[in-house]
Protein backbone atom coordinates (compact mmCIF):
# COMPACT_ATOMS: atom_id res chain seq x y z
CA MET A 1 0.00 0.00 0.00
CA VAL A 2 2.76 2.48 0.91
CA ILE A 3 4.59 1.88 -2.37
CA ILE A 4 1.43 2.50 -4.35
CA MET A 5 0.73 5.72 -2.52
CA LYS A 6 4.19 7.10 -3.23
CA LYS A 7 3.63 6.67 -6.93
CA ILE A 8 0.26 8.38 -6.96
CA LYS A 9 -0.19 12.13 -7.22
CA MET A 10 -2.42 12.92 -4.29
CA ASN A 11 -5.82 14.43 -5.03
CA GLN A 12 -5.96 18.02 -3.71
CA SER A 13 -9.38 19.00 -5.08
CA PRO A 14 -12.39 19.13 -2.74
CA LEU A 15 -14.56 16.05 -3.18
CA LYS A 16 -18.29 15.46 -2.80
CA ILE A 17 -18.67 12.28 -0.79
CA ILE A 18 -21.53 9.93 0.04
CA LEU A 19 -21.02 8.19 3.37
CA VAL A 20 -22.79 4.91 4.11
CA ASP A 21 -22.64 4.02 7.80
CA GLU A 22 -25.36 2.95 10.22
CA ASN A 23 -23.25 4.08 13.18
CA MET A 24 -23.90 7.80 13.66
CA GLY A 25 -21.01 8.32 16.08
CA ARG A 26 -18.50 6.66 13.81
CA SER A 27 -19.77 8.48 10.74
CA ALA A 28 -19.51 11.81 12.59
CA ILE A 29 -15.81 11.17 13.22
CA LEU A 30 -15.24 10.31 9.58
CA ARG A 31 -17.24 13.32 8.40
CA ARG A 32 -15.05 15.59 10.52
CA ALA A 33 -11.88 14.01 9.13
CA LEU A 34 -13.13 14.53 5.59
CA GLN A 35 -14.15 18.12 6.25
CA ASP A 36 -10.71 18.81 7.74
CA LYS A 37 -9.31 17.85 4.32
CA GLY A 38 -11.70 20.24 2.58
CA HIS A 39 -14.17 17.61 1.38
CA GLU A 40 -17.96 17.70 1.67
CA VAL A 41 -20.17 14.84 2.79
CA ILE A 42 -23.22 15.55 0.66
CA CYS A 43 -25.22 12.64 2.03
CA ARG A 44 -25.07 10.07 4.82
CA LEU A 45 -27.07 6.88 4.47
CA ASP A 46 -27.71 4.31 7.16
CA GLU A 47 -27.62 1.53 4.59
CA SER A 48 -26.66 0.99 0.95
CA GLU A 49 -30.04 -0.31 -0.22
CA ASN A 50 -31.10 2.82 -2.14
CA LEU A 51 -27.62 4.04 -3.00
CA ALA A 52 -27.83 3.41 -6.76
CA ASN A 53 -31.15 5.26 -7.01
CA SER A 54 -30.31 8.19 -4.75
CA ASN A 55 -30.24 11.66 -6.30
CA GLU A 56 -26.91 12.38 -4.62
CA ILE A 57 -25.04 9.54 -6.38
CA THR A 58 -25.07 11.56 -9.61
CA HIS A 59 -23.18 14.42 -7.97
CA ALA A 60 -20.83 12.36 -5.78
CA ASP A 61 -17.12 11.98 -6.50
CA VAL A 62 -16.54 9.14 -4.04
CA VAL A 63 -18.62 6.66 -2.04
CA ILE A 64 -17.32 5.55 1.36
CA VAL A 65 -18.90 2.53 3.04
CA ASN A 66 -18.15 1.95 6.70
CA ALA A 67 -19.36 -1.40 8.02
CA ASP A 68 -18.64 -3.78 10.88
CA ILE A 69 -18.83 -6.86 8.65
CA PRO A 70 -20.35 -6.25 5.17
CA ASP A 71 -22.93 -8.78 4.01
CA GLU A 72 -23.97 -9.92 0.54
CA ALA A 73 -26.74 -7.31 0.39
CA VAL A 74 -24.15 -4.52 0.68
CA PHE A 75 -22.04 -6.00 -2.11
CA ALA A 76 -25.13 -6.46 -4.31
CA ASN A 77 -26.03 -2.80 -3.83
CA LEU A 78 -22.50 -1.72 -4.72
CA ARG A 79 -22.64 -3.85 -7.86
CA ASP A 80 -25.77 -1.93 -8.86
CA VAL A 81 -23.88 1.34 -8.42
CA ASN A 82 -20.94 0.02 -10.42
CA LYS A 83 -23.22 -1.00 -13.29
CA THR A 84 -25.37 2.13 -13.48
CA LYS A 85 -23.38 5.05 -12.02
CA PRO A 86 -19.80 3.89 -11.36
CA LYS A 87 -17.90 5.84 -8.71
CA PRO A 88 -14.69 5.31 -6.75
CA ILE A 89 -15.71 3.23 -3.73
CA VAL A 90 -13.85 2.91 -0.43
CA MET A 91 -14.92 0.30 2.12
CA PHE A 92 -13.79 0.24 5.74
CA THR A 93 -14.61 -2.88 7.76
CA GLU A 94 -13.98 -3.86 11.35
CA ALA A 95 -13.50 -7.50 10.37
CA SER A 96 -13.49 -9.58 7.20
CA GLU A 97 -14.05 -13.17 6.18
CA GLU A 98 -11.77 -14.94 3.72
CA HIS A 99 -13.88 -14.45 0.61
CA MET A 100 -14.92 -10.86 1.25
CA ALA A 101 -11.96 -9.03 -0.27
CA GLY A 102 -12.49 -10.76 -3.61
CA THR A 103 -16.23 -10.15 -3.46
CA ALA A 104 -15.62 -6.49 -2.66
CA ILE A 105 -13.34 -6.02 -5.68
CA LYS A 106 -15.86 -7.73 -7.97
CA SER A 107 -18.54 -5.41 -6.57
CA GLY A 108 -16.60 -2.31 -7.65
CA VAL A 109 -14.78 -1.51 -4.39
CA ASN A 110 -11.48 0.20 -5.22
CA ALA A 111 -10.01 0.22 -1.71
CA TYR A 112 -10.96 -2.44 0.87
CA ILE A 113 -9.59 -1.66 4.32
CA VAL A 114 -9.87 -4.11 7.22
CA ASP A 115 -9.45 -3.24 10.94
CA GLY A 116 -11.52 -0.07 10.74
CA LEU A 117 -10.37 3.42 9.88
CA GLU A 118 -7.83 5.86 11.21
CA GLU A 119 -8.38 9.54 10.43
CA LYS A 120 -4.83 10.07 9.17
CA ARG A 121 -5.22 7.22 6.67
CA VAL A 122 -8.43 8.46 5.08
CA GLN A 123 -6.99 10.87 2.49
CA PRO A 124 -4.26 8.52 1.13
CA ILE A 125 -6.79 5.70 0.89
CA ILE A 126 -9.22 7.92 -1.04
CA ASP A 127 -6.40 8.92 -3.40
CA VAL A 128 -5.56 5.28 -4.06
CA ALA A 129 -9.22 4.43 -4.66
CA ILE A 130 -9.63 7.28 -7.17
CA ALA A 131 -6.45 6.29 -9.00
CA ARG A 132 -7.52 2.65 -9.23
CA PHE A 133 -11.01 3.66 -10.34
CA ARG A 134 -9.66 5.88 -13.13
CA GLU A 135 -7.28 3.15 -14.28
CA PHE A 136 -10.09 0.60 -14.35
CA GLN A 137 -12.41 2.96 -16.25
CA ALA A 138 -9.70 3.67 -18.81
CA LEU A 139 -9.20 -0.07 -19.37
CA LYS A 140 -12.96 -0.59 -19.57
CA ASP A 141 -13.34 2.22 -22.13
CA GLU A 142 -10.53 0.71 -24.20
CA LEU A 143 -12.15 -2.72 -24.05
CA ASP A 144 -15.56 -1.30 -24.98
CA ALA A 145 -14.00 0.55 -27.94
CA THR A 146 -12.29 -2.64 -29.11
CA ARG A 147 -15.52 -4.62 -28.86
CA SER A 148 -17.37 -1.90 -30.76
CA GLN A 149 -14.76 -1.92 -33.54
CA LEU A 150 -14.98 -5.72 -33.81
CA ALA A 151 -18.77 -5.56 -33.98
CA GLU A 152 -18.59 -2.91 -36.71
CA ARG A 153 -16.13 -4.98 -38.74
CA LYS A 154 -18.36 -8.02 -38.38
CA SER A 155 -21.37 -6.04 -39.68
CA ILE A 156 -19.38 -4.66 -42.61
CA GLU A 157 -18.10 -8.11 -43.55
CA LYS A 158 -21.61 -9.56 -43.37
CA ALA A 159 -23.08 -6.73 -45.44
CA LYS A 160 -20.33 -7.13 -48.04
CA GLY A 161 -21.09 -10.83 -48.23
CA LEU A 162 -24.78 -10.17 -48.81
CA LEU A 163 -24.07 -7.63 -51.56
CA MET A 164 -21.55 -9.94 -53.22
CA LYS A 165 -24.04 -12.79 -53.20
CA HIS A 166 -27.13 -10.93 -54.39
CA LYS A 167 -25.48 -8.46 -56.78
CA LYS A 168 -22.82 -10.85 -58.09
CA ILE A 169 -20.03 -8.35 -57.45
CA THR A 170 -16.51 -8.58 -56.06
CA GLU A 171 -15.53 -7.88 -52.46
CA ASP A 172 -13.92 -4.58 -53.42
CA GLU A 173 -17.01 -3.52 -55.37
CA ALA A 174 -19.21 -4.42 -52.39
CA TYR A 175 -17.07 -2.32 -50.09
CA GLN A 176 -17.05 0.63 -52.49
CA SER A 177 -20.84 0.34 -52.71
CA LEU A 178 -21.10 0.50 -48.93
CA ARG A 179 -18.71 3.43 -48.83
CA LYS A 180 -20.67 5.37 -51.46
CA MET A 181 -23.98 4.76 -49.66
CA ALA A 182 -22.40 5.95 -46.40
CA MET A 183 -21.14 9.13 -48.06
CA ASP A 184 -24.47 9.80 -49.78
CA LYS A 185 -26.40 9.37 -46.53
CA ASN A 186 -23.75 11.03 -44.37
CA LYS A 187 -23.53 7.95 -42.18
CA ARG A 188 -20.80 5.64 -40.99
CA ILE A 189 -20.16 2.55 -43.08
CA SER A 190 -21.08 0.34 -40.13
CA GLU A 191 -24.49 2.05 -39.87
CA VAL A 192 -25.14 1.47 -43.56
CA ALA A 193 -24.01 -2.14 -43.15
CA ASP A 194 -26.45 -2.66 -40.27
CA GLY A 195 -29.25 -1.21 -42.42
CA ILE A 196 -28.45 -3.57 -45.29
CA ILE A 197 -28.36 -6.57 -42.96
CA SER A 198 -31.74 -5.60 -41.49
CA ALA A 199 -33.23 -5.12 -44.95
CA PHE A 200 -32.10 -8.55 -46.14
CA GLU A 201 -33.40 -10.13 -42.92
CA LEU A 202 -36.83 -8.57 -43.54
CA LEU A 203 -36.84 -9.87 -47.11
CA GLY A 204 -36.09 -13.21 -45.98
């Protein structure tokens, strides 16, 4: 953990934070520690059940979950957040079972801290969580872009095959036909290809 922190440029900007903690006394201590660093706790929830649907999640920069021992319901709720409105997530726990760290990571938790929290550790842990979150999102965006490109190529190849078969033309002629239609309609070739595939499927 220390090595990672040394390599990360610490976040100095004020953050809007959602705090999930059923213990009011404990959450008050954490809120004070966050405010001392210039951050704002925009919402405190007793439980994570409605986290994904809360209005505040849209505006939050970080979600911090403080729990004695998190259960499956907590992890399920965090998975919902990660699917719909992904945010850097920090989880502090008083104790942990063997499988929980892996479950936490799969649920979108970017920093999973056992043995509770110490005020002086909060900021570095948040910085690590944000850095890991941004790295993961960058990898996810790259993967999504690659998948999109592969899907587009697959559509273009299928559309070319249909044109070659039904118009008795070469592969190059089929591609040039797709390209011309795309230019005429001011669309991407993949969009034209999808339209051709749909048209042939309707015909039969």
